Amino acid sequence: MTRFRTILIMVAAAAALSLGAAMAAFAAPKDRSCLTDQQTRAAIVAGQIQTWPKIRKLGAVPPDYYETSDTPVCLRNGLYYYVVNMASPKGENFKIVLNAVDGTAEVL
């Protein structure tokens, strides 16, 4: 019975953590005024912003660094930026914010 209770508590804790992470991820785009995937594609087709691979190259992001999140386009100070969580080859995590038009970086 004790073993069952322990498993039940672990499952409940994992579910609570998952729910919290999902709610935070759901709320984030609204807080940052981010474009949906469809809006991002439309802005790229209209020539308003560049694709992430092009911006990554313009921003001189090293090729051995990799994304650990989606690559949303968000409105910051009236301009559109890619806001991306990245990791270095050594496993160091950080966030980059690159202008979605010319690849210039914004300091957080």
Protein backbone atom coordinates (compact mmCIF):
# COMPACT_ATOMS: atom_id res chain seq x y z
CA MET A 1 0.00 0.00 0.00
CA THR A 2 2.86 2.39 0.80
CA ARG A 3 4.46 1.73 -2.58
CA PHE A 4 1.17 2.50 -4.35
CA ARG A 5 0.83 5.75 -2.41
CA THR A 6 4.38 6.77 -3.35
CA ILE A 7 3.71 6.11 -7.03
CA LEU A 8 0.44 8.01 -6.85
CA ILE A 9 2.15 11.02 -5.24
CA MET A 10 4.89 10.99 -7.90
CA VAL A 11 2.34 10.86 -10.73
CA ALA A 12 0.34 13.71 -9.19
CA ALA A 13 3.48 15.83 -8.80
CA ALA A 14 4.54 15.18 -12.40
CA ALA A 15 1.07 16.09 -13.65
CA ALA A 16 1.09 19.33 -11.65
CA LEU A 17 4.49 20.32 -13.03
CA SER A 18 3.41 19.49 -16.59
CA LEU A 19 0.24 21.53 -16.24
CA GLY A 20 2.20 24.52 -14.93
CA ALA A 21 4.67 24.36 -17.81
CA ALA A 22 1.87 24.00 -20.36
CA MET A 23 -0.01 26.97 -18.93
CA ALA A 24 3.13 29.13 -18.96
CA ALA A 25 3.87 28.17 -22.56
CA PHE A 26 0.29 28.94 -23.57
CA ALA A 27 0.35 32.34 -21.89
CA ALA A 28 3.76 33.42 -23.20
CA PRO A 29 2.77 34.39 -26.75
CA LYS A 30 -0.01 36.67 -25.49
CA ASP A 31 2.35 38.37 -23.06
CA ARG A 32 4.90 39.12 -25.77
CA SER A 33 2.52 39.91 -28.65
CA CYS A 34 3.92 37.06 -30.74
CA LEU A 35 2.72 36.14 -34.21
CA THR A 36 1.06 32.81 -34.86
CA ASP A 37 2.79 30.44 -37.29
CA GLN A 38 0.30 31.46 -39.98
CA GLN A 39 0.93 35.17 -39.35
CA THR A 40 4.70 34.57 -39.45
CA ARG A 41 4.45 32.77 -42.80
CA ALA A 42 2.27 35.58 -44.18
CA ALA A 43 4.79 38.22 -43.03
CA ILE A 44 7.63 36.28 -44.68
CA VAL A 45 5.68 35.94 -47.96
CA ALA A 46 4.85 39.67 -47.84
CA GLY A 47 8.54 40.50 -47.38
CA GLN A 48 7.97 42.15 -44.00
CA ILE A 49 10.39 39.79 -42.20
CA GLN A 50 13.02 37.21 -43.12
CA THR A 51 12.99 33.45 -42.44
CA TRP A 52 14.70 32.16 -39.29
CA PRO A 53 17.55 30.45 -41.24
CA LYS A 54 18.34 33.76 -43.01
CA ILE A 55 18.17 35.76 -39.76
CA ARG A 56 20.31 33.16 -38.01
CA LYS A 57 22.96 33.64 -40.71
CA LEU A 58 22.68 37.45 -40.67
CA GLY A 59 22.95 37.40 -36.87
CA ALA A 60 26.13 35.28 -37.12
CA VAL A 61 24.80 32.55 -34.82
CA PRO A 62 27.49 29.85 -34.80
CA PRO A 63 26.43 26.72 -36.71
CA ASP A 64 27.17 24.45 -33.75
CA TYR A 65 24.64 26.27 -31.53
CA TYR A 66 21.14 24.82 -31.67
CA GLU A 67 17.60 25.90 -30.88
CA THR A 68 15.96 24.45 -27.77
CA SER A 69 12.59 26.10 -28.44
CA ASP A 70 10.36 27.18 -31.27
CA THR A 71 11.39 30.31 -33.13
CA PRO A 72 8.49 32.71 -32.55
CA VAL A 73 8.38 36.19 -34.01
CA CYS A 74 7.35 38.70 -31.35
CA LEU A 75 6.71 42.43 -31.31
CA ARG A 76 9.18 44.30 -29.07
CA ASN A 77 9.43 48.10 -29.05
CA GLY A 78 7.47 48.32 -32.29
CA LEU A 79 9.75 45.93 -34.22
CA TYR A 80 9.53 42.21 -34.90
CA TYR A 81 12.15 39.91 -33.40
CA TYR A 82 12.84 36.20 -33.30
CA VAL A 83 13.02 35.22 -29.62
CA VAL A 84 14.78 31.86 -29.37
CA ASN A 85 16.20 29.70 -26.59
CA MET A 86 19.57 28.32 -27.67
CA ALA A 87 22.24 25.96 -26.36
CA SER A 88 25.97 25.98 -26.96
CA PRO A 89 27.97 22.84 -27.75
CA LYS A 90 28.94 22.76 -24.05
CA GLY A 91 25.26 22.71 -23.05
CA GLU A 92 25.03 26.32 -21.85
CA ASN A 93 21.48 27.62 -22.33
CA PHE A 94 20.63 31.21 -23.22
CA LYS A 95 18.04 33.29 -25.08
CA ILE A 96 18.75 35.33 -28.17
CA VAL A 97 16.60 38.10 -29.63
CA LEU A 98 17.33 38.93 -33.27
CA ASN A 99 15.62 41.55 -35.40
CA ALA A 100 13.39 39.67 -37.89
CA VAL A 101 14.39 42.01 -40.73
CA ASP A 102 18.17 42.44 -40.49
CA GLY A 103 19.37 39.99 -37.82
CA THR A 104 20.72 42.61 -35.41
CA ALA A 105 20.67 41.54 -31.77
CA GLU A 106 18.68 43.14 -28.98
CA VAL A 107 19.97 42.97 -25.44
CA LEU A 108 17.48 41.59 -22.95
